[in-house]
Amino acid sequence: MNTETVLEVHHYSNTLFRFKTTRNQSFRFKTGEFAMIGMYNSNLDKNIFRAYSICSTPYDDHLEFLSIKVENGPLTSELQKLMPGDEIFVKPKCTGSLVVDYLHPKKNLILLATGTGLAPFMSIVRDPYTYDRFKHVYLFHSARKINELAYRDTLLDLTQDLPLTYVDIVTREVYNRNKRFWEYIPEFFDDGFIKERDSVMVCGSPSLNKQCREYFSHAGFQEGNTGEMGDFLLERAFAD
């Protein structure tokens, strides 16, 4: 188990924040994977670990994570108090199903995220390897409030230099897009999802993942996994 030092903390709202830590030189992961991170909980008198997707890329010398805040959450109650100089634990083994190597390379990679489901996609859209496998990447991110559009400025900057389209959606405040992301798919794909052209990744709530699994399976898309390439992927750690 590695002990990493917090370098930076940014609070978006009273429910969402991100933090950056050092990275042990021996720590390895694939873009889109998650790690088990933890802290000591004094009330429970033990270390608490949870799965967190890594927002940074394998080429970075730091680790970056996006987290919600839960007042009485065994781990997030401690994480949300983090300050630069504090320490967290990171287990060395990473895994996850949102890896581009598990998808058939096609013209488009379409990423569908709600809330902190954005986290693995921040690693994916910042990795040059992604654009070796796909000609264009579309990232649809739906948040409840404007200040929960994490990484919005970073993503807008990336669209200037990469074949990336970023579609930001807010569902509970007045915004230029304020419906579910399904409503905006036709603006970019008037013929819908096409298996021969589009590969899809989904990360969000269990209900969203279940809905997408049913939708894409019914449309003839094959679900991929760590052992078999497919046309769409769900983060199985949260979907099943």
Protein backbone atom coordinates (compact mmCIF):
# COMPACT_ATOMS: atom_id res chain seq x y z
CA MET A 1 0.00 0.00 0.00
CA ASN A 2 1.32 3.44 -0.95
CA THR A 3 1.03 6.59 1.13
CA GLU A 4 0.57 9.70 -1.02
CA THR A 5 0.71 13.37 -0.03
CA VAL A 6 -2.04 15.78 -1.04
CA LEU A 7 -0.74 18.54 -3.31
CA GLU A 8 -3.88 20.47 -4.19
CA VAL A 9 -7.58 20.56 -3.31
CA HIS A 10 -10.33 22.37 -5.23
CA HIS A 11 -13.92 22.58 -3.94
CA TYR A 12 -16.53 23.10 -6.65
CA SER A 13 -19.52 23.16 -4.29
CA ASN A 14 -20.70 21.86 -0.94
CA THR A 15 -21.18 18.48 -2.59
CA LEU A 16 -18.23 18.14 -4.98
CA PHE A 17 -14.44 18.54 -4.93
CA ARG A 18 -11.28 17.24 -6.57
CA PHE A 19 -7.81 16.66 -5.17
CA LYS A 20 -4.33 15.95 -6.48
CA THR A 21 -1.66 13.84 -4.78
CA THR A 22 1.88 12.66 -5.30
CA ARG A 23 2.37 9.42 -7.24
CA ASN A 24 4.65 6.60 -6.20
CA GLN A 25 7.05 5.81 -9.05
CA SER A 26 6.03 2.15 -8.97
CA PHE A 27 2.29 2.90 -9.31
CA ARG A 28 0.90 1.75 -12.68
CA PHE A 29 -2.56 1.99 -14.20
CA LYS A 30 -4.36 2.12 -17.53
CA THR A 31 -6.28 5.19 -18.64
CA GLY A 32 -9.86 4.88 -17.36
CA GLU A 33 -9.12 2.51 -14.48
CA PHE A 34 -9.88 3.07 -10.79
CA ALA A 35 -7.83 2.66 -7.65
CA MET A 36 -8.75 1.83 -4.08
CA ILE A 37 -7.97 4.87 -1.95
CA GLY A 38 -8.42 5.24 1.78
CA MET A 39 -7.98 7.12 5.01
CA TYR A 40 -8.12 6.33 8.69
CA ASN A 41 -11.57 6.90 10.21
CA SER A 42 -11.18 7.70 13.90
CA ASN A 43 -14.87 7.02 14.68
CA LEU A 44 -14.62 3.52 13.25
CA ASP A 45 -10.98 3.10 14.36
CA LYS A 46 -9.90 1.59 11.05
CA ASN A 47 -8.81 2.44 7.53
CA ILE A 48 -11.69 2.84 5.07
CA PHE A 49 -11.17 2.21 1.33
CA ARG A 50 -13.37 2.97 -1.67
CA ALA A 51 -12.97 2.69 -5.45
CA TYR A 52 -12.12 6.01 -7.13
CA SER A 53 -11.58 6.49 -10.85
CA ILE A 54 -8.30 8.21 -11.66
CA CYS A 55 -8.70 11.56 -13.46
CA SER A 56 -5.03 11.97 -14.32
CA THR A 57 -3.27 10.04 -17.08
CA PRO A 58 -0.59 7.34 -16.83
CA TYR A 59 1.91 9.91 -18.12
CA ASP A 60 1.39 12.36 -15.23
CA ASP A 61 3.67 12.42 -12.19
CA HIS A 62 0.67 12.94 -9.90
CA LEU A 63 -2.70 11.31 -9.18
CA GLU A 64 -5.99 13.17 -9.36
CA PHE A 65 -9.44 12.22 -8.08
CA LEU A 66 -12.97 13.66 -8.18
CA SER A 67 -15.26 13.08 -5.20
CA ILE A 68 -18.67 13.84 -3.83
CA LYS A 69 -19.10 14.96 -0.23
CA VAL A 70 -21.23 12.85 2.08
CA GLU A 71 -21.55 14.30 5.57
CA ASN A 72 -21.49 10.97 7.38
CA GLY A 73 -19.80 8.91 4.68
CA PRO A 74 -17.17 6.59 6.17
CA LEU A 75 -14.55 7.83 3.70
CA THR A 76 -15.84 11.04 2.13
CA SER A 77 -16.42 12.58 5.56
CA GLU A 78 -12.64 12.41 5.93
CA LEU A 79 -11.64 13.12 2.33
CA GLN A 80 -13.56 16.39 2.16
CA LYS A 81 -11.41 17.78 4.98
CA LEU A 82 -8.17 17.19 3.06
CA MET A 83 -5.60 19.97 2.93
CA PRO A 84 -2.27 20.14 1.07
CA GLY A 85 0.26 18.18 3.07
CA ASP A 86 -2.25 15.59 4.33
CA GLU A 87 -1.83 11.95 3.38
CA ILE A 88 -4.06 9.26 1.88
CA PHE A 89 -3.53 5.57 1.18
CA VAL A 90 -3.58 4.15 -2.34
CA LYS A 91 -3.56 0.42 -2.99
CA PRO A 92 -1.18 -0.49 -5.83
CA LYS A 93 -3.54 -2.66 -7.90
CA CYS A 94 -5.86 -0.86 -10.34
CA THR A 95 -8.68 -2.26 -12.43
CA GLY A 96 -11.81 -1.22 -14.29
CA SER A 97 -13.74 -1.82 -17.49
CA LEU A 98 -13.50 1.69 -19.02
CA VAL A 99 -10.33 1.12 -21.03
CA VAL A 100 -10.24 2.04 -24.73
CA ASP A 101 -8.40 -1.18 -25.56
CA TYR A 102 -11.61 -3.03 -24.69
CA LEU A 103 -13.51 -1.22 -27.47
CA HIS A 104 -13.40 -1.77 -31.21
CA PRO A 105 -11.64 1.26 -32.76
CA LYS A 106 -14.12 3.18 -34.90
CA LYS A 107 -14.73 6.69 -36.18
CA ASN A 108 -16.31 7.99 -32.97
CA LEU A 109 -15.87 7.41 -29.26
CA ILE A 110 -18.92 8.65 -27.36
CA LEU A 111 -18.61 9.15 -23.59
CA LEU A 112 -21.79 9.45 -21.52
CA ALA A 113 -21.32 10.65 -17.93
CA THR A 114 -23.45 11.89 -15.07
CA GLY A 115 -22.03 13.50 -11.93
CA THR A 116 -18.68 12.11 -10.83
CA GLY A 117 -18.96 9.57 -13.64
CA LEU A 118 -16.90 12.19 -15.47
CA ALA A 119 -13.76 11.12 -13.57
CA PRO A 120 -12.47 8.25 -15.76
CA PHE A 121 -13.29 10.21 -18.89
CA MET A 122 -11.00 13.05 -17.81
CA SER A 123 -8.15 10.57 -18.02
CA ILE A 124 -9.36 9.22 -21.35
CA VAL A 125 -9.82 12.57 -23.15
CA ARG A 126 -6.39 13.78 -21.98
CA ASP A 127 -4.57 10.68 -23.20
CA PRO A 128 -3.11 11.01 -26.73
CA TYR A 129 -3.54 7.25 -27.23
CA THR A 130 -7.32 7.71 -27.27
CA TYR A 131 -7.05 9.75 -30.46
CA ASP A 132 -4.91 7.08 -32.10
CA ARG A 133 -7.88 4.70 -31.86
CA PHE A 134 -10.72 7.12 -32.61
CA LYS A 135 -10.98 10.00 -35.06
CA HIS A 136 -13.30 12.05 -32.84
CA VAL A 137 -14.37 11.94 -29.19
CA TYR A 138 -17.71 13.25 -27.89
CA LEU A 139 -18.10 13.79 -24.15
CA PHE A 140 -21.63 14.33 -22.80
CA HIS A 141 -21.57 15.33 -19.13
CA SER A 142 -24.75 15.93 -17.15
CA ALA A 143 -24.66 17.61 -13.72
CA ARG A 144 -27.40 18.84 -11.42
CA LYS A 145 -26.02 22.36 -10.96
CA ILE A 146 -23.71 24.66 -12.90
CA ASN A 147 -20.99 24.63 -10.25
CA GLU A 148 -20.94 20.82 -10.49
CA LEU A 149 -19.68 20.92 -14.08
CA ALA A 150 -16.26 19.82 -12.89
CA TYR A 151 -13.34 20.45 -15.25
CA ARG A 152 -15.52 22.53 -17.57
CA ASP A 153 -12.78 25.10 -18.32
CA THR A 154 -10.21 22.35 -18.83
CA LEU A 155 -12.49 20.54 -21.25
CA LEU A 156 -13.28 23.69 -23.21
CA ASP A 157 -9.54 24.29 -23.58
CA LEU A 158 -8.99 20.74 -24.79
CA THR A 159 -11.60 21.17 -27.53
CA GLN A 160 -9.39 23.87 -29.05
CA ASP A 161 -6.50 21.47 -29.62
CA LEU A 162 -8.04 18.01 -29.95
CA PRO A 163 -10.80 16.34 -31.99
CA LEU A 164 -13.01 16.54 -28.91
CA THR A 165 -16.59 17.78 -28.61
CA TYR A 166 -17.75 18.62 -25.08
CA VAL A 167 -21.48 18.77 -24.36
CA ASP A 168 -22.26 20.15 -20.89
CA ILE A 169 -25.75 19.73 -19.44
CA VAL A 170 -27.33 21.02 -16.22
CA THR A 171 -30.62 19.48 -15.06
CA ARG A 172 -31.70 21.52 -12.00
CA GLU A 173 -30.75 25.10 -12.87
CA VAL A 174 -31.35 27.40 -15.81
CA TYR A 175 -28.73 26.61 -18.45
CA ASN A 176 -28.42 26.49 -22.22
CA ARG A 177 -28.91 22.72 -22.00
CA ASN A 178 -31.11 21.60 -19.14
CA LYS A 179 -32.61 18.26 -20.14
CA ARG A 180 -31.23 14.73 -19.96
CA PHE A 181 -28.35 14.10 -22.33
CA TRP A 182 -30.51 11.76 -24.44
CA GLU A 183 -32.34 14.88 -25.61
CA TYR A 184 -29.15 16.31 -27.15
CA ILE A 185 -27.82 13.24 -28.92
CA PRO A 186 -29.77 14.11 -32.14
CA GLU A 187 -27.99 17.49 -32.33
CA PHE A 188 -24.75 15.64 -33.02
CA PHE A 189 -26.03 12.33 -34.38
CA ASP A 190 -29.27 12.88 -36.26
CA ASP A 191 -29.23 9.21 -37.24
CA GLY A 192 -28.68 8.06 -33.65
CA PHE A 193 -26.02 5.64 -32.52
CA ILE A 194 -24.62 3.42 -35.28
CA LYS A 195 -22.75 0.27 -34.34
CA GLU A 196 -20.39 0.40 -37.31
CA ARG A 197 -19.42 4.02 -36.58
CA ASP A 198 -19.70 4.55 -32.81
CA SER A 199 -18.15 3.01 -29.73
CA VAL A 200 -19.65 4.09 -26.40
CA MET A 201 -18.56 4.30 -22.77
CA VAL A 202 -20.97 4.98 -19.91
CA CYS A 203 -20.25 5.98 -16.31
CA GLY A 204 -22.84 7.23 -13.86
CA SER A 205 -25.53 6.01 -11.53
CA PRO A 206 -26.52 2.33 -11.42
CA SER A 207 -29.89 3.23 -12.97
CA LEU A 208 -28.18 5.03 -15.87
CA ASN A 209 -25.84 2.12 -16.48
CA LYS A 210 -28.73 -0.35 -16.43
CA GLN A 211 -30.70 1.81 -18.86
CA CYS A 212 -27.74 2.08 -21.23
CA ARG A 213 -26.97 -1.63 -21.07
CA GLU A 214 -30.54 -2.40 -22.10
CA TYR A 215 -30.59 0.31 -24.78
CA PHE A 216 -27.32 -0.59 -26.51
CA SER A 217 -27.81 -4.35 -26.20
CA HIS A 218 -31.24 -4.01 -27.81
CA ALA A 219 -29.64 -1.93 -30.59
CA GLY A 220 -27.24 -4.77 -31.38
CA PHE A 221 -24.14 -3.35 -29.69
CA GLN A 222 -21.91 -5.93 -28.00
CA GLU A 223 -20.80 -5.12 -24.46
CA GLY A 224 -17.05 -5.35 -24.01
CA ASN A 225 -15.05 -6.33 -20.94
CA THR A 226 -11.50 -7.03 -19.86
CA GLY A 227 -11.46 -10.30 -21.78
CA GLU A 228 -13.36 -9.40 -24.95
CA MET A 229 -13.56 -6.28 -27.09
CA GLY A 230 -16.98 -4.76 -27.66
CA ASP A 231 -18.96 -1.80 -28.95
CA PHE A 232 -19.87 -0.31 -25.55
CA LEU A 233 -18.52 -0.40 -22.01
CA LEU A 234 -19.99 0.22 -18.57
CA GLU A 235 -18.04 0.69 -15.36
CA ARG A 236 -18.90 -2.68 -13.87
CA ALA A 237 -17.81 -1.63 -10.38
CA PHE A 238 -20.90 0.57 -10.25
CA ALA A 239 -23.23 -1.07 -12.77
CA ASP A 240 -23.88 -4.50 -11.29
